[in-house]
């Protein structure tokens, strides 16, 4: 099903940018500032997850294969971790490529 604009990823991006550019600079309370940074980071992860659209290999599937005696290859494991990092922390992934 196709969604109208803005897409869920665009909505997450708009909320993240608003909080980062408009709200965060006004916060003096260190605890509240930290919590805002956590929320901004969470919205960034959500945005990347929505944009990626990757189903990828599920960790449960990899575990089941290990238990069944059909272990995933090193390349499959590497791609699984890379897919997770592309969503959770793309900068971290870029540092180690």
N, C-alpha and C. Protein backbone atom coordinates (compact mmCIF):
# COMPACT_ATOMS: atom_id res chain seq x y z
N UNK A 1 0.84 -1.17 0.00
CA UNK A 1 0.00 0.00 0.00
C UNK A 1 0.89 1.24 0.00
N UNK A 2 0.56 2.18 -0.83
CA UNK A 2 1.31 3.42 -0.93
C UNK A 2 0.70 4.48 -0.03
N UNK A 3 1.56 5.16 0.71
CA UNK A 3 1.10 6.22 1.60
C UNK A 3 1.25 7.57 0.92
N UNK A 4 0.38 8.48 1.31
CA UNK A 4 0.50 9.85 0.83
C UNK A 4 1.67 10.52 1.52
N UNK A 5 2.02 11.70 1.02
CA UNK A 5 3.10 12.47 1.62
C UNK A 5 2.55 13.28 2.77
N UNK A 6 3.23 13.49 3.80
CA UNK A 6 4.56 12.99 4.07
C UNK A 6 4.55 11.51 4.45
N UNK A 7 5.62 10.83 4.10
CA UNK A 7 5.76 9.42 4.44
C UNK A 7 6.11 9.30 5.92
N UNK A 8 5.98 8.11 6.50
CA UNK A 8 6.38 7.94 7.90
C UNK A 8 7.84 8.35 8.14
N UNK A 9 8.73 8.04 7.20
CA UNK A 9 10.14 8.42 7.35
C UNK A 9 10.29 9.94 7.33
N UNK A 10 9.52 10.60 6.47
CA UNK A 10 9.58 12.06 6.40
C UNK A 10 9.04 12.70 7.69
N UNK A 11 8.01 12.10 8.26
CA UNK A 11 7.48 12.60 9.53
C UNK A 11 8.52 12.46 10.65
N UNK A 12 9.18 11.30 10.70
CA UNK A 12 10.23 11.10 11.71
C UNK A 12 11.35 12.10 11.52
N UNK A 13 11.73 12.33 10.26
CA UNK A 13 12.80 13.29 9.97
C UNK A 13 12.39 14.71 10.39
N UNK A 14 11.16 15.10 10.10
CA UNK A 14 10.69 16.44 10.45
C UNK A 14 10.67 16.63 11.96
N UNK A 15 10.20 15.63 12.69
CA UNK A 15 10.18 15.71 14.15
C UNK A 15 11.60 15.79 14.71
N UNK A 16 12.49 14.95 14.17
CA UNK A 16 13.88 14.94 14.63
C UNK A 16 14.54 16.29 14.37
N UNK A 17 14.37 16.82 13.17
CA UNK A 17 14.99 18.11 12.83
C UNK A 17 14.43 19.24 13.69
N UNK A 18 13.13 19.24 13.96
CA UNK A 18 12.54 20.26 14.81
C UNK A 18 13.15 20.22 16.21
N UNK A 19 13.19 19.03 16.79
CA UNK A 19 13.74 18.89 18.13
C UNK A 19 15.22 19.28 18.18
N UNK A 20 15.95 18.87 17.16
CA UNK A 20 17.39 19.13 17.12
C UNK A 20 17.70 20.62 16.91
N UNK A 21 16.96 21.26 16.01
CA UNK A 21 17.29 22.64 15.64
C UNK A 21 16.57 23.69 16.48
N UNK A 22 15.33 23.40 16.88
CA UNK A 22 14.52 24.41 17.56
C UNK A 22 14.46 24.23 19.08
N UNK A 23 14.35 23.00 19.53
CA UNK A 23 14.14 22.76 20.96
C UNK A 23 15.46 22.55 21.70
N UNK A 24 16.30 21.67 21.20
CA UNK A 24 17.55 21.33 21.88
C UNK A 24 18.39 22.56 22.25
N UNK A 25 18.58 23.53 21.35
CA UNK A 25 19.41 24.68 21.71
C UNK A 25 18.84 25.52 22.87
N UNK A 26 17.56 25.36 23.18
CA UNK A 26 16.96 26.16 24.25
C UNK A 26 17.07 25.49 25.61
N UNK A 27 17.53 24.26 25.66
CA UNK A 27 17.54 23.50 26.91
C UNK A 27 18.83 23.75 27.69
N UNK A 28 18.66 24.18 28.94
CA UNK A 28 19.80 24.39 29.82
C UNK A 28 19.96 23.25 30.83
N UNK A 29 18.85 22.61 31.17
CA UNK A 29 18.88 21.51 32.13
C UNK A 29 19.61 20.32 31.51
N UNK A 30 20.70 19.88 32.15
CA UNK A 30 21.54 18.81 31.57
C UNK A 30 20.79 17.49 31.42
N UNK A 31 19.96 17.17 32.40
CA UNK A 31 19.21 15.91 32.34
C UNK A 31 18.21 15.95 31.19
N UNK A 32 17.49 17.06 31.08
CA UNK A 32 16.51 17.20 30.00
C UNK A 32 17.20 17.25 28.64
N UNK A 33 18.35 17.89 28.56
CA UNK A 33 19.12 17.94 27.32
C UNK A 33 19.55 16.53 26.89
N UNK A 34 20.03 15.74 27.85
CA UNK A 34 20.43 14.37 27.56
C UNK A 34 19.24 13.56 27.05
N UNK A 35 18.11 13.69 27.71
CA UNK A 35 16.92 12.95 27.31
C UNK A 35 16.46 13.38 25.92
N UNK A 36 16.60 14.65 25.60
CA UNK A 36 16.25 15.14 24.26
C UNK A 36 17.18 14.53 23.22
N UNK A 37 18.47 14.44 23.54
CA UNK A 37 19.42 13.82 22.60
C UNK A 37 19.08 12.35 22.37
N UNK A 38 18.64 11.66 23.41
CA UNK A 38 18.22 10.27 23.27
C UNK A 38 17.00 10.18 22.34
N UNK A 39 16.04 11.09 22.53
CA UNK A 39 14.84 11.10 21.67
C UNK A 39 15.21 11.41 20.22
N UNK A 40 16.11 12.36 20.02
CA UNK A 40 16.55 12.72 18.67
C UNK A 40 17.24 11.53 18.00
N UNK A 41 18.08 10.85 18.76
CA UNK A 41 18.77 9.67 18.22
C UNK A 41 17.75 8.58 17.88
N UNK A 42 16.76 8.37 18.74
CA UNK A 42 15.73 7.37 18.48
C UNK A 42 14.94 7.68 17.22
N UNK A 43 14.62 8.95 17.01
CA UNK A 43 13.92 9.33 15.79
C UNK A 43 14.79 9.12 14.55
N UNK A 44 16.09 9.34 14.68
CA UNK A 44 17.01 9.08 13.57
C UNK A 44 17.04 7.60 13.21
N UNK A 45 17.06 6.75 14.24
CA UNK A 45 17.03 5.30 14.01
C UNK A 45 15.72 4.90 13.34
N UNK A 46 14.61 5.43 13.85
CA UNK A 46 13.31 5.14 13.25
C UNK A 46 13.26 5.57 11.79
N UNK A 47 13.76 6.76 11.51
CA UNK A 47 13.77 7.27 10.14
C UNK A 47 14.57 6.35 9.22
N UNK A 48 15.77 5.97 9.65
CA UNK A 48 16.60 5.09 8.81
C UNK A 48 15.97 3.72 8.62
N UNK A 49 15.30 3.23 9.67
CA UNK A 49 14.64 1.93 9.57
C UNK A 49 13.49 2.00 8.57
N UNK A 50 12.72 3.06 8.63
CA UNK A 50 11.61 3.22 7.68
C UNK A 50 12.12 3.40 6.25
N UNK A 51 13.21 4.12 6.09
CA UNK A 51 13.77 4.36 4.75
C UNK A 51 14.41 3.12 4.17
N UNK A 52 14.98 2.28 5.03
CA UNK A 52 15.71 1.12 4.52
C UNK A 52 14.78 0.10 3.89
N UNK A 53 13.64 -0.13 4.51
CA UNK A 53 12.71 -1.11 3.98
C UNK A 53 13.30 -2.50 3.89
N UNK A 54 14.44 -2.72 4.51
CA UNK A 54 15.11 -4.02 4.43
C UNK A 54 14.47 -5.00 5.39
N UNK A 55 14.11 -6.13 4.87
CA UNK A 55 13.66 -7.19 5.75
C UNK A 55 14.87 -7.83 6.40
N UNK A 56 15.88 -8.10 5.57
CA UNK A 56 17.12 -8.64 6.10
C UNK A 56 16.94 -10.02 6.73
N UNK A 57 18.03 -10.56 7.20
CA UNK A 57 17.99 -11.84 7.87
C UNK A 57 17.70 -11.59 9.34
N UNK A 58 16.71 -12.24 9.83
CA UNK A 58 16.29 -12.10 11.21
C UNK A 58 17.27 -12.84 12.12
N UNK A 59 17.55 -12.26 13.29
CA UNK A 59 18.44 -12.91 14.25
C UNK A 59 17.88 -14.27 14.67
N UNK A 60 16.56 -14.37 14.79
CA UNK A 60 15.95 -15.65 15.16
C UNK A 60 16.21 -16.70 14.08
N UNK A 61 16.17 -16.27 12.82
CA UNK A 61 16.46 -17.19 11.71
C UNK A 61 17.91 -17.67 11.77
N UNK A 62 18.82 -16.75 12.04
CA UNK A 62 20.24 -17.13 12.16
C UNK A 62 20.44 -18.10 13.31
N UNK A 63 19.78 -17.84 14.43
CA UNK A 63 19.89 -18.73 15.60
C UNK A 63 19.34 -20.11 15.28
N UNK A 64 18.21 -20.16 14.61
CA UNK A 64 17.61 -21.45 14.24
C UNK A 64 18.54 -22.23 13.33
N UNK A 65 19.18 -21.53 12.40
CA UNK A 65 20.13 -22.21 11.50
C UNK A 65 21.32 -22.75 12.28
N UNK A 66 21.80 -22.01 13.24
CA UNK A 66 22.90 -22.50 14.07
C UNK A 66 22.50 -23.76 14.82
N UNK A 67 21.33 -23.75 15.42
CA UNK A 67 20.85 -24.91 16.17
C UNK A 67 20.60 -26.12 15.27
N UNK A 68 20.22 -25.88 14.03
CA UNK A 68 19.90 -26.98 13.12
C UNK A 68 21.15 -27.60 12.50
N UNK A 69 22.31 -26.98 12.72
CA UNK A 69 23.54 -27.51 12.13
C UNK A 69 23.84 -26.92 10.77
N UNK A 70 23.09 -25.93 10.34
CA UNK A 70 23.31 -25.26 9.06
C UNK A 70 23.72 -23.80 9.34
N UNK A 71 24.93 -23.60 9.87
CA UNK A 71 25.32 -22.26 10.31
C UNK A 71 25.44 -21.29 9.13
N UNK A 72 25.09 -20.04 9.38
CA UNK A 72 25.26 -19.02 8.35
C UNK A 72 26.74 -18.79 8.08
N UNK A 73 27.04 -18.37 6.88
CA UNK A 73 28.43 -18.09 6.52
C UNK A 73 28.89 -16.80 7.20
N UNK A 74 30.19 -16.61 7.21
CA UNK A 74 30.75 -15.37 7.77
C UNK A 74 30.22 -14.17 6.99
N UNK A 75 30.07 -14.32 5.68
CA UNK A 75 29.55 -13.21 4.86
C UNK A 75 28.11 -12.87 5.26
N UNK A 76 27.28 -13.90 5.52
CA UNK A 76 25.90 -13.65 5.94
C UNK A 76 25.86 -12.95 7.29
N UNK A 77 26.71 -13.38 8.21
CA UNK A 77 26.75 -12.75 9.53
C UNK A 77 27.23 -11.31 9.43
N UNK A 78 28.23 -11.10 8.59
CA UNK A 78 28.75 -9.74 8.40
C UNK A 78 27.67 -8.83 7.82
N UNK A 79 26.91 -9.31 6.84
CA UNK A 79 25.85 -8.51 6.24
C UNK A 79 24.73 -8.25 7.24
N UNK A 80 24.43 -9.24 8.07
CA UNK A 80 23.40 -9.06 9.10
C UNK A 80 23.79 -7.94 10.05
N UNK A 81 25.02 -7.95 10.52
CA UNK A 81 25.51 -6.90 11.43
C UNK A 81 25.55 -5.56 10.71
N UNK A 82 26.02 -5.54 9.47
CA UNK A 82 26.08 -4.29 8.70
C UNK A 82 24.69 -3.70 8.51
N UNK A 83 23.69 -4.55 8.23
CA UNK A 83 22.31 -4.06 8.05
C UNK A 83 21.80 -3.43 9.34
N UNK A 84 22.11 -4.05 10.46
CA UNK A 84 21.69 -3.49 11.74
C UNK A 84 22.37 -2.14 11.99
N UNK A 85 23.66 -2.06 11.69
CA UNK A 85 24.40 -0.82 11.91
C UNK A 85 23.98 0.30 10.96
N UNK A 86 23.58 -0.05 9.73
CA UNK A 86 23.10 0.98 8.80
C UNK A 86 21.90 1.72 9.38
N UNK A 87 21.12 1.02 10.20
CA UNK A 87 19.96 1.64 10.84
C UNK A 87 20.35 2.28 12.17
N UNK A 88 21.03 1.53 13.01
CA UNK A 88 21.30 1.99 14.38
C UNK A 88 22.41 3.03 14.46
N UNK A 89 23.47 2.86 13.67
CA UNK A 89 24.62 3.76 13.80
C UNK A 89 25.47 3.74 12.53
N UNK A 90 25.01 4.40 11.48
CA UNK A 90 25.74 4.37 10.21
C UNK A 90 27.16 4.92 10.32
N UNK A 91 27.38 5.90 11.18
CA UNK A 91 28.73 6.47 11.34
C UNK A 91 29.68 5.41 11.89
N UNK A 92 29.21 4.59 12.81
CA UNK A 92 30.03 3.52 13.38
C UNK A 92 30.42 2.53 12.29
N UNK A 93 29.47 2.18 11.44
CA UNK A 93 29.73 1.24 10.37
C UNK A 93 30.78 1.80 9.41
N UNK A 94 30.68 3.06 9.06
CA UNK A 94 31.63 3.69 8.14
C UNK A 94 33.06 3.69 8.69
N UNK A 95 33.20 3.83 10.00
CA UNK A 95 34.54 3.86 10.60
C UNK A 95 35.26 2.54 10.44
N UNK A 96 34.54 1.44 10.34
CA UNK A 96 35.17 0.13 10.34
C UNK A 96 35.07 -0.60 9.02
N UNK A 97 34.82 0.12 7.97
CA UNK A 97 34.77 -0.51 6.65
C UNK A 97 36.12 -0.49 6.02
